Amino acid sequence: MDDDRRTYSEQFKRETVELSFNSEKTCKEIAEDLGLSYHNLIRWRKEYRDNNDLAFPGQGKQKLSPEQEEIKKLKEELRIAKQERDILKKAVGIFSKKPR
């Protein structure tokens, strides 16, 4: 199956979003002028507003500050610890049943 999805550089996205904020044209007009989807432009604007310098990391990978990296690491460790705890609870339940 052919994938016709276009990819855009971080710089292109930033310049396009800044243009959309500073232009007299509507987002729809800017998207048409640049040959891109109106929905992409709206999504890029939201990402830029929400994440500013961390927006548009490329390849689907998030740009994270050192604090965000640490939080992400700790959340993953907590998720694993909870899984291990749940497995141990089940094992205790299985082995503590009295045979009939």
N, C-alpha and C. Protein backbone atom coordinates (compact mmCIF):
# COMPACT_ATOMS: atom_id res chain seq x y z
N MET A 1 0.83 -1.17 0.00
CA MET A 1 0.00 0.00 0.00
C MET A 1 0.88 1.25 0.00
N ASP A 2 0.57 2.19 -0.85
CA ASP A 2 1.34 3.43 -0.96
C ASP A 2 0.92 4.41 0.10
N ASP A 3 1.89 5.02 0.76
CA ASP A 3 1.60 6.02 1.79
C ASP A 3 1.87 7.40 1.20
N ASP A 4 0.79 8.16 0.98
CA ASP A 4 0.92 9.47 0.35
C ASP A 4 1.04 10.60 1.37
N ARG A 5 1.27 10.26 2.61
CA ARG A 5 1.37 11.28 3.64
C ARG A 5 2.66 12.07 3.45
N ARG A 6 2.52 13.39 3.51
CA ARG A 6 3.69 14.26 3.39
C ARG A 6 4.22 14.57 4.78
N THR A 7 5.51 14.75 4.85
CA THR A 7 6.11 15.16 6.12
C THR A 7 6.65 16.57 5.94
N TYR A 8 6.57 17.34 7.02
CA TYR A 8 7.00 18.72 6.99
C TYR A 8 8.06 18.93 8.06
N SER A 9 9.04 19.74 7.77
CA SER A 9 10.11 19.99 8.74
C SER A 9 9.60 20.84 9.90
N GLU A 10 10.32 20.76 10.98
CA GLU A 10 9.99 21.58 12.15
C GLU A 10 10.00 23.06 11.77
N GLN A 11 10.99 23.47 11.01
CA GLN A 11 11.10 24.88 10.60
C GLN A 11 9.89 25.30 9.77
N PHE A 12 9.47 24.47 8.83
CA PHE A 12 8.30 24.78 7.99
C PHE A 12 7.07 24.94 8.87
N LYS A 13 6.88 24.02 9.81
CA LYS A 13 5.71 24.10 10.69
C LYS A 13 5.72 25.38 11.52
N ARG A 14 6.88 25.69 12.09
CA ARG A 14 7.00 26.91 12.92
C ARG A 14 6.71 28.16 12.09
N GLU A 15 7.31 28.25 10.91
CA GLU A 15 7.11 29.42 10.06
C GLU A 15 5.67 29.53 9.61
N THR A 16 5.05 28.40 9.31
CA THR A 16 3.65 28.40 8.88
C THR A 16 2.74 28.85 10.02
N VAL A 17 2.98 28.34 11.21
CA VAL A 17 2.17 28.73 12.37
C VAL A 17 2.35 30.22 12.67
N GLU A 18 3.60 30.69 12.66
CA GLU A 18 3.84 32.11 12.92
C GLU A 18 3.17 32.98 11.86
N LEU A 19 3.21 32.54 10.62
CA LEU A 19 2.52 33.25 9.55
C LEU A 19 1.02 33.31 9.83
N SER A 20 0.47 32.20 10.28
CA SER A 20 -0.98 32.16 10.54
C SER A 20 -1.37 33.08 11.69
N PHE A 21 -0.46 33.27 12.66
CA PHE A 21 -0.75 34.18 13.77
C PHE A 21 -0.61 35.65 13.36
N ASN A 22 0.29 35.93 12.41
CA ASN A 22 0.61 37.31 12.08
C ASN A 22 0.00 37.81 10.77
N SER A 23 -0.66 36.95 10.04
CA SER A 23 -1.19 37.31 8.72
C SER A 23 -2.62 37.82 8.82
N GLU A 24 -3.00 38.60 7.84
CA GLU A 24 -4.39 39.05 7.71
C GLU A 24 -5.25 37.94 7.09
N LYS A 25 -4.59 36.95 6.49
CA LYS A 25 -5.31 35.86 5.84
C LYS A 25 -5.86 34.89 6.89
N THR A 26 -6.90 34.17 6.49
CA THR A 26 -7.46 33.14 7.38
C THR A 26 -6.58 31.90 7.32
N CYS A 27 -6.75 31.03 8.29
CA CYS A 27 -6.00 29.76 8.30
C CYS A 27 -6.32 28.95 7.06
N LYS A 28 -7.56 28.98 6.67
CA LYS A 28 -7.98 28.22 5.47
C LYS A 28 -7.23 28.74 4.24
N GLU A 29 -7.12 30.05 4.11
CA GLU A 29 -6.42 30.65 2.97
C GLU A 29 -4.93 30.31 3.00
N ILE A 30 -4.33 30.39 4.16
CA ILE A 30 -2.90 30.07 4.29
C ILE A 30 -2.66 28.61 3.94
N ALA A 31 -3.50 27.72 4.45
CA ALA A 31 -3.35 26.30 4.16
C ALA A 31 -3.45 26.06 2.65
N GLU A 32 -4.44 26.67 2.01
CA GLU A 32 -4.61 26.51 0.56
C GLU A 32 -3.40 27.05 -0.20
N ASP A 33 -2.91 28.23 0.21
CA ASP A 33 -1.75 28.83 -0.45
C ASP A 33 -0.52 27.93 -0.37
N LEU A 34 -0.36 27.26 0.76
CA LEU A 34 0.82 26.42 0.98
C LEU A 34 0.59 24.96 0.56
N GLY A 35 -0.62 24.65 0.13
CA GLY A 35 -0.91 23.29 -0.33
C GLY A 35 -0.93 22.27 0.78
N LEU A 36 -1.40 22.68 1.94
CA LEU A 36 -1.49 21.72 3.04
C LEU A 36 -2.90 21.70 3.60
N SER A 37 -3.16 20.72 4.41
CA SER A 37 -4.47 20.53 4.99
C SER A 37 -4.76 21.61 6.03
N TYR A 38 -5.97 22.15 5.97
CA TYR A 38 -6.42 23.12 6.98
C TYR A 38 -6.34 22.50 8.37
N HIS A 39 -6.72 21.23 8.48
CA HIS A 39 -6.70 20.54 9.78
C HIS A 39 -5.28 20.41 10.32
N ASN A 40 -4.31 20.19 9.44
CA ASN A 40 -2.90 20.15 9.88
C ASN A 40 -2.51 21.49 10.49
N LEU A 41 -2.85 22.57 9.81
CA LEU A 41 -2.48 23.90 10.30
C LEU A 41 -3.11 24.16 11.66
N ILE A 42 -4.36 23.82 11.82
CA ILE A 42 -5.04 24.02 13.11
C ILE A 42 -4.37 23.19 14.20
N ARG A 43 -4.03 21.94 13.87
CA ARG A 43 -3.36 21.06 14.84
C ARG A 43 -1.98 21.63 15.20
N TRP A 44 -1.24 22.13 14.21
CA TRP A 44 0.08 22.70 14.46
C TRP A 44 -0.03 23.93 15.35
N ARG A 45 -1.05 24.77 15.10
CA ARG A 45 -1.24 25.96 15.93
C ARG A 45 -1.50 25.57 17.38
N LYS A 46 -2.31 24.56 17.61
CA LYS A 46 -2.62 24.11 18.96
C LYS A 46 -1.35 23.56 19.63
N GLU A 47 -0.60 22.74 18.89
CA GLU A 47 0.63 22.17 19.44
C GLU A 47 1.63 23.28 19.79
N TYR A 48 1.72 24.27 18.93
CA TYR A 48 2.64 25.39 19.17
C TYR A 48 2.21 26.17 20.41
N ARG A 49 0.91 26.45 20.54
CA ARG A 49 0.40 27.18 21.72
C ARG A 49 0.62 26.37 22.99
N ASP A 50 0.39 25.06 22.93
CA ASP A 50 0.50 24.20 24.11
C ASP A 50 1.95 23.94 24.52
N ASN A 51 2.85 23.80 23.54
CA ASN A 51 4.21 23.33 23.83
C ASN A 51 5.32 24.31 23.47
N ASN A 52 5.02 25.33 22.73
CA ASN A 52 5.98 26.35 22.32
C ASN A 52 7.30 25.77 21.82
N ASP A 53 8.39 25.91 22.57
CA ASP A 53 9.70 25.45 22.10
C ASP A 53 9.78 23.93 21.96
N LEU A 54 8.92 23.20 22.66
CA LEU A 54 8.96 21.74 22.60
C LEU A 54 8.05 21.19 21.50
N ALA A 55 7.40 22.06 20.76
CA ALA A 55 6.50 21.62 19.68
C ALA A 55 7.29 21.10 18.49
N PHE A 56 6.67 20.22 17.73
CA PHE A 56 7.21 19.69 16.48
C PHE A 56 8.54 18.96 16.62
N PRO A 57 8.59 17.94 17.45
CA PRO A 57 9.85 17.23 17.65
C PRO A 57 10.28 16.39 16.47
N GLY A 58 9.36 15.96 15.62
CA GLY A 58 9.72 15.13 14.48
C GLY A 58 9.71 13.65 14.82
N GLN A 59 9.38 12.84 13.86
CA GLN A 59 9.34 11.39 14.00
C GLN A 59 8.46 10.92 15.16
N GLY A 60 7.51 11.75 15.57
CA GLY A 60 6.59 11.36 16.62
C GLY A 60 7.18 11.31 18.01
N LYS A 61 8.42 11.78 18.16
CA LYS A 61 9.07 11.75 19.46
C LYS A 61 8.90 13.09 20.15
N GLN A 62 8.55 13.04 21.41
CA GLN A 62 8.35 14.26 22.16
C GLN A 62 9.69 14.86 22.58
N LYS A 63 9.76 16.18 22.55
CA LYS A 63 10.90 16.88 23.14
C LYS A 63 10.50 17.14 24.58
N LEU A 64 11.31 16.70 25.50
CA LEU A 64 10.98 16.86 26.91
C LEU A 64 12.09 17.60 27.64
N SER A 65 11.67 18.40 28.59
CA SER A 65 12.65 19.06 29.46
C SER A 65 13.23 17.99 30.39
N PRO A 66 14.36 18.26 31.05
CA PRO A 66 14.92 17.26 31.97
C PRO A 66 13.92 16.83 33.05
N GLU A 67 13.13 17.78 33.54
CA GLU A 67 12.13 17.45 34.56
C GLU A 67 11.06 16.53 33.99
N GLN A 68 10.62 16.82 32.76
CA GLN A 68 9.61 15.97 32.12
C GLN A 68 10.17 14.58 31.85
N GLU A 69 11.45 14.49 31.47
CA GLU A 69 12.10 13.19 31.25
C GLU A 69 12.08 12.37 32.54
N GLU A 70 12.43 13.02 33.65
CA GLU A 70 12.46 12.34 34.95
C GLU A 70 11.06 11.87 35.34
N ILE A 71 10.05 12.70 35.13
CA ILE A 71 8.67 12.32 35.44
C ILE A 71 8.25 11.13 34.58
N LYS A 72 8.60 11.17 33.30
CA LYS A 72 8.26 10.06 32.40
C LYS A 72 8.91 8.77 32.86
N LYS A 73 10.19 8.85 33.24
CA LYS A 73 10.92 7.67 33.73
C LYS A 73 10.29 7.13 35.00
N LEU A 74 9.96 8.02 35.93
CA LEU A 74 9.35 7.58 37.19
C LEU A 74 7.95 6.99 36.99
N LYS A 75 7.19 7.55 36.07
CA LYS A 75 5.86 6.99 35.77
C LYS A 75 5.99 5.58 35.21
N GLU A 76 6.98 5.36 34.35
CA GLU A 76 7.18 4.03 33.79
C GLU A 76 7.60 3.04 34.88
N GLU A 77 8.49 3.47 35.77
CA GLU A 77 8.90 2.61 36.88
C GLU A 77 7.71 2.28 37.77
N LEU A 78 6.85 3.25 38.03
CA LEU A 78 5.65 3.03 38.85
C LEU A 78 4.71 2.05 38.16
N ARG A 79 4.53 2.20 36.85
CA ARG A 79 3.66 1.29 36.10
C ARG A 79 4.15 -0.15 36.22
N ILE A 80 5.45 -0.34 36.09
CA ILE A 80 6.04 -1.69 36.20
C ILE A 80 5.88 -2.23 37.61
N ALA A 81 6.12 -1.40 38.62
CA ALA A 81 5.98 -1.83 40.02
C ALA A 81 4.54 -2.24 40.31
N LYS A 82 3.57 -1.52 39.78
CA LYS A 82 2.16 -1.87 39.99
C LYS A 82 1.83 -3.20 39.32
N GLN A 83 2.37 -3.42 38.13
CA GLN A 83 2.15 -4.71 37.45
C GLN A 83 2.72 -5.85 38.28
N GLU A 84 3.93 -5.65 38.77
CA GLU A 84 4.57 -6.70 39.59
C GLU A 84 3.77 -6.95 40.86
N ARG A 85 3.28 -5.90 41.49
CA ARG A 85 2.47 -6.04 42.69
C ARG A 85 1.20 -6.84 42.40
N ASP A 86 0.53 -6.52 41.29
CA ASP A 86 -0.70 -7.22 40.93
C ASP A 86 -0.44 -8.70 40.67
N ILE A 87 0.68 -9.00 40.03
CA ILE A 87 1.04 -10.41 39.78
C ILE A 87 1.28 -11.13 41.10
N LEU A 88 2.00 -10.48 42.03
CA LEU A 88 2.26 -11.09 43.33
C LEU A 88 0.96 -11.31 44.12
N LYS A 89 0.04 -10.35 44.03
CA LYS A 89 -1.25 -10.51 44.72
C LYS A 89 -1.99 -11.74 44.19
N LYS A 90 -1.99 -11.90 42.87
CA LYS A 90 -2.66 -13.06 42.27
C LYS A 90 -1.99 -14.36 42.69
N ALA A 91 -0.65 -14.34 42.71
CA ALA A 91 0.08 -15.54 43.10
C ALA A 91 -0.22 -15.91 44.55
N VAL A 92 -0.24 -14.94 45.44
CA VAL A 92 -0.57 -15.20 46.85
C VAL A 92 -1.97 -15.78 46.97
N GLY A 93 -2.91 -15.23 46.19
CA GLY A 93 -4.27 -15.72 46.19
C GLY A 93 -4.36 -17.15 45.72
N ILE A 94 -3.60 -17.49 44.69
CA ILE A 94 -3.61 -18.86 44.15
C ILE A 94 -3.00 -19.84 45.15
N PHE A 95 -1.86 -19.47 45.73
CA PHE A 95 -1.17 -20.40 46.63
C PHE A 95 -1.78 -20.46 48.02
N SER A 96 -2.60 -19.51 48.39
CA SER A 96 -3.20 -19.54 49.72
C SER A 96 -4.56 -20.22 49.74
N LYS A 97 -5.05 -20.63 48.58
CA LYS A 97 -6.33 -21.37 48.54
C LYS A 97 -6.13 -22.73 49.14
N LYS A 98 -7.11 -23.14 49.94
CA LYS A 98 -7.04 -24.48 50.55
C LYS A 98 -7.49 -25.51 49.54
N PRO A 99 -6.75 -26.60 49.46
CA PRO A 99 -7.17 -27.66 48.53
C PRO A 99 -8.46 -28.29 49.02
N ARG A 100 -9.29 -28.75 48.11
CA ARG A 100 -10.57 -29.35 48.46
C ARG A 100 -10.42 -30.79 48.82
